[in-house]
């Protein structure tokens, strides 16, 4: 109705209403009078639609009449005109992937797919456990899907089979050495996937660096889900409840989305499992007077994290006496890999995976290991144990 101010409507409603009014009135000035708004408001709406259409290849005023395919934006056009008549002869249209459209399509695909995923059958809980304890199993920068050749890297071979066997055996060792805590926390701290999917390209999401990969995308995804399900089931057999974190990394910006959504769907009938589905790459968990914070490390460096977590999670920060933050990203030991500041201890974790050719050629060397840390509801950290690849046999 005309009594409704255009400025109070949502942006899309405003655009559509302006376009309909222009079409009915035959001019923008008449449309503005009919709508009871300023002429500039209608003009801006029309221009916004034209810009959006041009981004997708449609702008008749500029001889662009072939819209790009769904999921793509026009990156540029080259048009050849007849020198005498000025008529268009040939036009080349360059397109690039529309990341927003791809992410939206991926979320919709995940939602549809998760409706048909066979749900995991409940597993019996352990007979006894220590109620005040939580075991935090940290796995970071695992780079599942990476391929490394020992003769080239000077370290160990790495492929899908080795990655699966190493993770299962390492997790089994960590569980055997850690106490029977009531809660188990599978902290997959990002970059679990070496290459992002469903991009289907062997390059990083953020920088476009070329990657050495093992196997087709379908095989990498299938084995990633399989091995993660194995360690989740192992955790269920030891703990009363299991928390799952599939954190965002710089290698798996999109992959982390479908991993979170898929595991939430897989275990939605298992009341003992909780999957953190936060789209924000900063995560928190409260265990009594102990606060646990997580971030992969690709957005903020280690010294900055206490301030970020205090601002992002003020309630948890204020209610807890003990605060611990965990990060990965750097495969090698940095200048400060454990820092206590602002009442929070921040720890940068290493990786179990072998180094690839990029790391070898760059001269990066790092001790490989995973870690389980045990926290008490009242006293903070009380134990820790480490697993190296040599132990995962």
Protein backbone atom coordinates (compact mmCIF):
# COMPACT_ATOMS: atom_id res chain seq x y z
CA UNK A 1 0.00 0.00 0.00
CA UNK A 2 1.07 3.57 -0.67
CA UNK A 3 1.02 4.41 3.03
CA UNK A 4 3.96 2.06 3.62
CA UNK A 5 7.26 4.01 3.34
CA UNK A 6 9.60 2.39 0.84
CA UNK A 7 12.53 2.79 3.23
CA UNK A 8 10.95 0.40 5.77
CA UNK A 9 10.75 -2.47 3.31
CA UNK A 10 13.49 -5.06 2.76
CA UNK A 11 15.94 -4.21 -0.08
CA UNK A 12 14.56 -6.78 -2.51
CA UNK A 13 10.96 -5.69 -1.92
CA UNK A 14 12.01 -2.08 -2.55
CA UNK A 15 13.72 -3.03 -5.82
CA UNK A 16 10.80 -5.05 -7.13
CA UNK A 17 8.26 -2.40 -6.14
CA UNK A 18 10.29 0.34 -7.87
CA UNK A 19 10.69 -1.70 -11.06
CA UNK A 20 6.99 -2.53 -11.20
CA UNK A 21 6.10 1.15 -10.68
CA UNK A 22 8.48 2.27 -13.47
CA UNK A 23 7.05 -0.30 -15.85
CA UNK A 24 3.46 0.74 -15.05
CA UNK A 25 4.09 4.50 -15.16
CA UNK A 26 6.47 4.56 -18.09
CA UNK A 27 9.06 6.78 -16.40
CA UNK A 28 11.00 6.95 -13.16
CA UNK A 29 9.63 10.39 -12.21
CA UNK A 30 6.01 9.27 -12.55
CA UNK A 31 6.84 6.07 -10.68
CA UNK A 32 8.34 8.11 -7.82
CA UNK A 33 5.21 10.26 -7.59
CA UNK A 34 2.97 7.17 -7.59
CA UNK A 35 5.03 5.56 -4.84
CA UNK A 36 5.26 8.77 -2.84
CA UNK A 37 9.05 8.65 -2.65
CA UNK A 38 11.97 10.74 -3.83
CA UNK A 39 13.02 10.38 -7.47
CA UNK A 40 16.58 9.39 -6.40
CA UNK A 41 15.23 6.37 -4.50
CA UNK A 42 13.64 4.98 -7.65
CA UNK A 43 16.70 5.87 -9.76
CA UNK A 44 19.04 4.07 -7.33
CA UNK A 45 16.84 0.97 -7.36
CA UNK A 46 16.86 0.84 -11.16
CA UNK A 47 20.63 1.35 -11.28
CA UNK A 48 21.19 -1.41 -8.69
CA UNK A 49 19.24 -3.87 -10.84
CA UNK A 50 21.16 -2.83 -13.96
CA UNK A 51 24.50 -3.32 -12.22
CA UNK A 52 23.46 -6.75 -10.92
CA UNK A 53 22.23 -7.77 -14.38
CA UNK A 54 25.46 -6.57 -16.00
CA UNK A 55 27.49 -8.65 -13.55
CA UNK A 56 25.65 -11.65 -14.92
CA UNK A 57 26.07 -10.69 -18.57
CA UNK A 58 22.87 -8.77 -19.37
CA UNK A 59 23.09 -5.10 -20.38
CA UNK A 60 21.33 -4.38 -23.72
CA UNK A 61 22.58 -0.78 -23.68
CA UNK A 62 26.10 -2.19 -24.01
CA UNK A 63 25.28 -5.03 -26.45
CA UNK A 64 25.39 -7.64 -23.67
CA UNK A 65 22.38 -9.90 -24.15
CA UNK A 66 23.70 -13.34 -23.12
CA UNK A 67 23.41 -13.88 -19.33
CA UNK A 68 26.08 -16.03 -17.66
CA UNK A 69 25.28 -19.52 -16.39
CA UNK A 70 24.03 -19.95 -12.80
CA UNK A 71 26.91 -19.78 -10.33
CA UNK A 72 29.03 -17.51 -12.55
CA UNK A 73 29.64 -13.78 -12.95
CA UNK A 74 30.90 -11.93 -16.00
CA UNK A 75 34.55 -10.98 -15.52
CA UNK A 76 34.80 -8.99 -18.74
CA UNK A 77 33.71 -8.75 -22.37
CA UNK A 78 35.46 -8.03 -25.66
CA UNK A 79 33.34 -6.89 -28.59
CA UNK A 80 34.36 -6.59 -32.24
CA UNK A 81 32.39 -3.94 -34.19
CA UNK A 82 32.23 -3.38 -37.93
CA UNK A 83 34.38 -0.34 -38.69
CA UNK A 84 31.97 1.03 -41.28
CA UNK A 85 28.50 0.20 -39.96
CA UNK A 86 29.29 0.10 -36.25
CA UNK A 87 27.32 -3.14 -35.90
CA UNK A 88 28.44 -5.79 -33.47
CA UNK A 89 30.11 -8.74 -35.22
CA UNK A 90 31.58 -10.94 -32.44
CA UNK A 91 31.59 -10.77 -28.67
CA UNK A 92 33.71 -12.74 -26.21
CA UNK A 93 32.35 -13.08 -22.67
CA UNK A 94 34.72 -14.02 -19.86
CA UNK A 95 33.10 -15.48 -16.77
CA UNK A 96 34.32 -16.42 -13.32
CA UNK A 97 32.74 -18.41 -10.52
CA UNK A 98 30.31 -16.46 -8.34
CA UNK A 99 31.50 -17.49 -4.87
CA UNK A 100 28.32 -16.32 -3.13
CA UNK A 101 26.16 -18.34 -5.51
CA UNK A 102 28.42 -21.38 -5.15
CA UNK A 103 28.33 -21.21 -1.34
CA UNK A 104 24.54 -20.81 -1.40
CA UNK A 105 24.18 -23.77 -3.76
CA UNK A 106 26.50 -25.85 -1.59
CA UNK A 107 24.48 -25.14 1.56
CA UNK A 108 21.27 -26.07 -0.24
CA UNK A 109 22.85 -29.26 -1.57
CA UNK A 110 24.08 -30.20 1.89
CA UNK A 111 20.63 -29.62 3.38
CA UNK A 112 18.99 -31.77 0.72
CA UNK A 113 21.65 -34.47 0.97
CA UNK A 114 21.51 -34.67 4.75
CA UNK A 115 17.81 -35.52 4.61
CA UNK A 116 18.67 -38.84 2.95
CA UNK A 117 21.85 -39.78 4.85
CA UNK A 118 21.52 -43.11 6.72
CA UNK A 119 21.72 -42.12 10.38
CA UNK A 120 24.33 -43.81 12.54
CA UNK A 121 23.03 -46.41 14.99
CA UNK A 122 23.46 -45.53 18.69
CA UNK A 123 26.50 -47.01 20.44
CA UNK A 124 26.37 -48.15 24.06
CA UNK A 125 28.09 -45.77 26.51
CA UNK A 126 30.97 -46.92 28.76
CA UNK A 127 30.11 -48.55 32.08
CA UNK A 128 32.02 -45.98 34.14
CA UNK A 129 33.74 -42.63 33.62
CA UNK A 130 35.22 -39.68 35.51
CA UNK A 131 32.45 -37.10 35.48
CA UNK A 132 34.57 -33.97 36.04
CA UNK A 133 37.01 -34.61 33.19
CA UNK A 134 37.02 -33.82 29.48
CA UNK A 135 39.58 -35.21 27.02
CA UNK A 136 40.40 -32.82 24.18
CA UNK A 137 41.74 -34.73 21.16
CA UNK A 138 43.41 -32.15 18.91
CA UNK A 139 43.89 -32.94 15.22
CA UNK A 140 44.99 -30.05 13.06
CA UNK A 141 46.28 -29.52 9.52
CA UNK A 142 45.88 -33.19 8.68
CA UNK A 143 45.70 -32.48 4.92
CA UNK A 144 43.76 -35.59 4.04
CA UNK A 145 44.07 -36.02 0.28
CA UNK A 146 47.64 -34.73 0.06
CA UNK A 147 50.27 -36.77 -1.74
CA UNK A 148 53.94 -36.61 -0.71
CA UNK A 149 56.89 -38.55 -2.13
CA UNK A 150 59.59 -39.32 0.43
CA UNK A 151 62.44 -39.04 -2.08
CA UNK A 152 61.33 -35.51 -2.92
CA UNK A 153 60.51 -34.28 0.59
CA UNK A 154 63.21 -36.07 2.58
CA UNK A 155 60.59 -37.19 5.07
CA UNK A 156 57.80 -39.79 4.75
CA UNK A 157 55.36 -40.78 2.04
CA UNK A 158 51.79 -39.53 2.46
CA UNK A 159 48.63 -40.61 0.64
CA UNK A 160 45.02 -41.51 1.41
CA UNK A 161 45.80 -44.99 2.78
CA UNK A 162 48.63 -43.74 4.99
CA UNK A 163 46.50 -40.85 6.23
CA UNK A 164 43.61 -43.11 7.23
CA UNK A 165 45.78 -45.67 9.02
CA UNK A 166 47.83 -43.04 10.83
CA UNK A 167 44.80 -41.16 12.15
CA UNK A 168 42.96 -44.23 13.44
CA UNK A 169 46.04 -45.65 15.17
CA UNK A 170 47.07 -42.28 16.59
CA UNK A 171 43.58 -41.69 17.96
CA UNK A 172 43.56 -45.19 19.45
CA UNK A 173 46.86 -44.48 21.22
CA UNK A 174 45.66 -41.14 22.57
CA UNK A 175 42.51 -42.78 23.93
CA UNK A 176 44.49 -45.58 25.57
CA UNK A 177 46.84 -43.14 27.34
CA UNK A 178 44.16 -40.68 28.48
CA UNK A 179 41.82 -41.08 31.49
CA UNK A 180 38.24 -42.31 31.13
CA UNK A 181 36.77 -38.83 31.03
CA UNK A 182 33.01 -38.42 30.90
CA UNK A 183 33.31 -36.09 27.89
CA UNK A 184 35.41 -36.58 24.77
CA UNK A 185 36.03 -33.62 22.49
CA UNK A 186 37.13 -34.36 18.93
CA UNK A 187 38.81 -31.09 18.03
CA UNK A 188 39.39 -31.14 14.27
CA UNK A 189 41.06 -27.75 14.14
CA UNK A 190 40.92 -27.05 10.39
CA UNK A 191 42.67 -27.98 7.14
CA UNK A 192 41.59 -31.58 7.56
CA UNK A 193 41.14 -31.59 3.78
CA UNK A 194 44.20 -30.70 1.70
CA UNK A 195 42.15 -29.30 -1.18
CA UNK A 196 38.76 -27.68 -0.88
CA UNK A 197 35.70 -29.49 -2.18
CA UNK A 198 33.42 -29.25 -4.11
CA UNK A 199 35.75 -26.87 -5.96
CA UNK A 200 37.28 -29.96 -7.65
CA UNK A 201 40.53 -28.07 -8.23
CA UNK A 202 43.90 -28.90 -6.68
CA UNK A 203 44.51 -25.47 -5.20
CA UNK A 204 43.91 -23.59 -1.98
CA UNK A 205 40.65 -21.67 -1.56
CA UNK A 206 42.15 -18.39 -0.39
CA UNK A 207 45.43 -18.04 -2.32
CA UNK A 208 44.98 -20.36 -5.32
CA UNK A 209 48.27 -22.20 -4.68
CA UNK A 210 48.71 -25.46 -6.62
CA UNK A 211 48.59 -28.60 -4.47
CA UNK A 212 49.83 -32.18 -4.72
CA UNK A 213 46.75 -34.37 -4.31
CA UNK A 214 46.12 -38.10 -4.13
CA UNK A 215 43.02 -39.40 -5.85
CA UNK A 216 39.88 -37.96 -7.32
CA UNK A 217 37.64 -35.63 -5.33
CA UNK A 218 35.02 -38.35 -4.77
CA UNK A 219 37.64 -40.69 -3.29
CA UNK A 220 39.07 -38.04 -0.98
CA UNK A 221 35.61 -37.09 0.31
CA UNK A 222 34.56 -40.72 0.77
CA UNK A 223 37.68 -41.67 2.75
CA UNK A 224 37.58 -38.46 4.82
CA UNK A 225 34.04 -39.23 5.99
CA UNK A 226 34.95 -42.86 6.63
CA UNK A 227 37.97 -42.16 8.82
CA UNK A 228 36.25 -39.39 10.78
CA UNK A 229 33.31 -41.69 11.47
CA UNK A 230 35.75 -44.30 12.77
CA UNK A 231 37.25 -42.01 15.38
CA UNK A 232 33.81 -40.68 16.37
CA UNK A 233 32.59 -44.23 17.00
CA UNK A 234 35.77 -44.95 18.98
CA UNK A 235 35.12 -41.88 21.14
CA UNK A 236 31.54 -42.99 21.79
CA UNK A 237 32.79 -46.29 23.17
CA UNK A 238 35.01 -44.48 25.72
CA UNK A 239 33.01 -41.39 26.71
CA UNK A 240 29.50 -40.68 27.96
CA UNK A 241 29.19 -37.70 25.61
CA UNK A 242 31.18 -36.57 22.58
CA UNK A 243 31.64 -33.02 21.28
CA UNK A 244 32.65 -32.64 17.62
CA UNK A 245 34.32 -29.59 16.10
CA UNK A 246 35.00 -29.38 12.35
CA UNK A 247 36.75 -26.02 12.29
CA UNK A 248 37.22 -23.88 9.21
CA UNK A 249 40.74 -23.82 7.76
CA UNK A 250 42.29 -21.93 4.89
CA UNK A 251 42.50 -25.13 2.81
CA UNK A 252 38.89 -26.23 3.43
CA UNK A 253 36.70 -23.15 3.67
CA UNK A 254 33.83 -24.95 1.91
CA UNK A 255 34.81 -28.47 2.98
CA UNK A 256 34.41 -27.57 6.64
CA UNK A 257 30.83 -26.46 5.91
CA UNK A 258 29.70 -29.79 4.53
CA UNK A 259 31.67 -31.72 7.15
CA UNK A 260 29.81 -29.92 9.95
CA UNK A 261 26.43 -30.33 8.28
CA UNK A 262 26.97 -33.95 7.31
CA UNK A 263 28.13 -35.10 10.76
CA UNK A 264 25.26 -33.27 12.41
CA UNK A 265 22.90 -35.22 10.13
CA UNK A 266 24.73 -38.54 10.57
CA UNK A 267 24.46 -38.43 14.34
CA UNK A 268 21.20 -36.55 14.83
CA UNK A 269 19.67 -39.68 16.38
CA UNK A 270 22.62 -40.09 18.78
CA UNK A 271 21.81 -37.97 21.88
CA UNK A 272 25.35 -38.38 23.20
CA UNK A 273 26.88 -36.41 20.32
CA UNK A 274 26.89 -32.65 19.77
CA UNK A 275 28.32 -31.09 16.60
CA UNK A 276 29.35 -27.43 16.69
CA UNK A 277 27.71 -25.91 13.60
CA UNK A 278 28.85 -22.32 14.04
CA UNK A 279 29.71 -20.70 10.68
CA UNK A 280 32.01 -18.25 12.49
CA UNK A 281 35.65 -19.53 12.52
CA UNK A 282 35.96 -18.86 16.28
CA UNK A 283 34.55 -21.48 18.63
CA UNK A 284 34.08 -21.89 22.39
CA UNK A 285 33.11 -24.63 24.86
CA UNK A 286 32.44 -24.23 28.58
CA UNK A 287 33.39 -27.08 30.94
CA UNK A 288 32.52 -25.94 34.44
CA UNK A 289 35.06 -23.27 35.39
CA UNK A 290 37.19 -24.15 32.35
CA UNK A 291 36.76 -22.35 29.03
CA UNK A 292 38.10 -23.85 25.80
CA UNK A 293 38.48 -21.64 22.73
CA UNK A 294 39.41 -22.63 19.17
CA UNK A 295 40.53 -21.00 15.91
CA UNK A 296 42.52 -22.48 13.04
CA UNK A 297 44.94 -19.54 12.98
CA UNK A 298 44.44 -18.30 9.41
CA UNK A 299 42.61 -15.11 10.44
CA UNK A 300 44.28 -14.10 13.72
CA UNK A 301 47.76 -14.79 15.04
CA UNK A 302 48.45 -16.38 18.40
CA UNK A 303 49.06 -13.20 20.47
CA UNK A 304 45.80 -11.63 19.21
CA UNK A 305 43.51 -14.49 20.17
CA UNK A 306 42.78 -13.77 23.87
CA UNK A 307 41.32 -10.38 22.96
CA UNK A 308 39.26 -11.86 20.11
CA UNK A 309 37.79 -14.60 22.28
CA UNK A 310 37.09 -12.24 25.19
CA UNK A 311 35.14 -9.97 22.85
CA UNK A 312 33.39 -12.75 20.95
CA UNK A 313 32.41 -14.88 23.98
CA UNK A 314 32.14 -12.44 26.93
CA UNK A 315 29.80 -14.62 29.00
CA UNK A 316 31.99 -17.73 28.83
CA UNK A 317 35.11 -15.64 29.35
CA UNK A 318 33.68 -13.95 32.43
CA UNK A 319 32.20 -17.07 34.01
CA UNK A 320 35.38 -19.20 33.81
CA UNK A 321 38.47 -19.10 35.99
CA UNK A 322 40.62 -21.11 33.59
CA UNK A 323 40.84 -20.23 29.89
CA UNK A 324 42.65 -22.13 27.13
CA UNK A 325 42.76 -21.36 23.42
CA UNK A 326 43.92 -23.76 20.72
CA UNK A 327 45.17 -23.02 17.22
CA UNK A 328 47.00 -24.70 14.34
CA UNK A 329 47.85 -23.46 10.84
CA UNK A 330 51.63 -23.32 11.33
CA UNK A 331 53.00 -26.84 10.88
CA UNK A 332 56.36 -25.94 12.40
CA UNK A 333 57.12 -24.57 15.84
CA UNK A 334 56.77 -20.79 15.82
CA UNK A 335 58.69 -18.39 18.07
CA UNK A 336 56.01 -18.70 20.72
CA UNK A 337 53.87 -21.83 20.52
CA UNK A 338 52.40 -21.48 24.03
CA UNK A 339 51.58 -18.02 25.35
CA UNK A 340 49.80 -17.02 28.55
CA UNK A 341 48.31 -13.55 28.29
CA UNK A 342 45.19 -11.70 29.50
CA UNK A 343 44.30 -14.67 31.70
CA UNK A 344 44.26 -17.12 28.79
CA UNK A 345 46.79 -19.74 27.70
CA UNK A 346 47.03 -20.01 23.90
CA UNK A 347 48.63 -23.09 22.37
CA UNK A 348 49.62 -23.66 18.75
CA UNK A 349 49.45 -27.34 17.82
CA UNK A 350 51.52 -29.29 15.32
CA UNK A 351 50.36 -31.77 12.72
CA UNK A 352 50.64 -35.52 12.28
CA UNK A 353 50.80 -35.33 8.51
CA UNK A 354 53.98 -35.50 6.46
CA UNK A 355 55.27 -32.42 4.69
CA UNK A 356 54.60 -31.91 0.99
CA UNK A 357 56.92 -30.68 -1.75
CA UNK A 358 56.03 -27.04 -1.00
CA UNK A 359 57.19 -27.37 2.62
CA UNK A 360 60.29 -29.35 1.62
CA UNK A 361 61.37 -26.83 -0.99
CA UNK A 362 60.76 -24.00 1.45
CA UNK A 363 63.05 -25.63 3.98
CA UNK A 364 60.33 -26.10 6.62
CA UNK A 365 60.95 -28.81 9.19
CA UNK A 366 58.63 -29.71 12.05
CA UNK A 367 58.12 -32.41 14.61
CA UNK A 368 54.97 -34.36 13.77
CA UNK A 369 52.50 -35.14 16.54
CA UNK A 370 48.94 -34.96 17.85
CA UNK A 371 47.92 -34.22 21.40
CA UNK A 372 45.23 -35.08 23.94
CA UNK A 373 44.75 -32.65 26.82
CA UNK A 374 42.61 -33.44 29.85
CA UNK A 375 40.75 -30.69 31.71
CA UNK A 376 38.94 -30.70 35.05
CA UNK A 377 35.74 -28.74 35.66
CA UNK A 378 37.22 -27.07 38.75
CA UNK A 379 41.00 -27.08 38.23
CA UNK A 380 41.69 -26.53 34.54
CA UNK A 381 44.27 -28.67 32.76
CA UNK A 382 45.37 -31.75 34.69
CA UNK A 383 47.07 -33.99 32.10
CA UNK A 384 48.33 -34.24 28.52
CA UNK A 385 49.81 -36.87 26.24
CA UNK A 386 51.35 -36.81 22.79
CA UNK A 387 51.33 -39.22 19.85
CA UNK A 388 53.87 -39.27 17.03
CA UNK A 389 53.57 -41.11 13.69
CA UNK A 390 56.12 -43.64 14.89
CA UNK A 391 53.76 -44.56 17.74
CA UNK A 392 50.83 -44.98 15.33
CA UNK A 393 51.81 -48.47 14.20
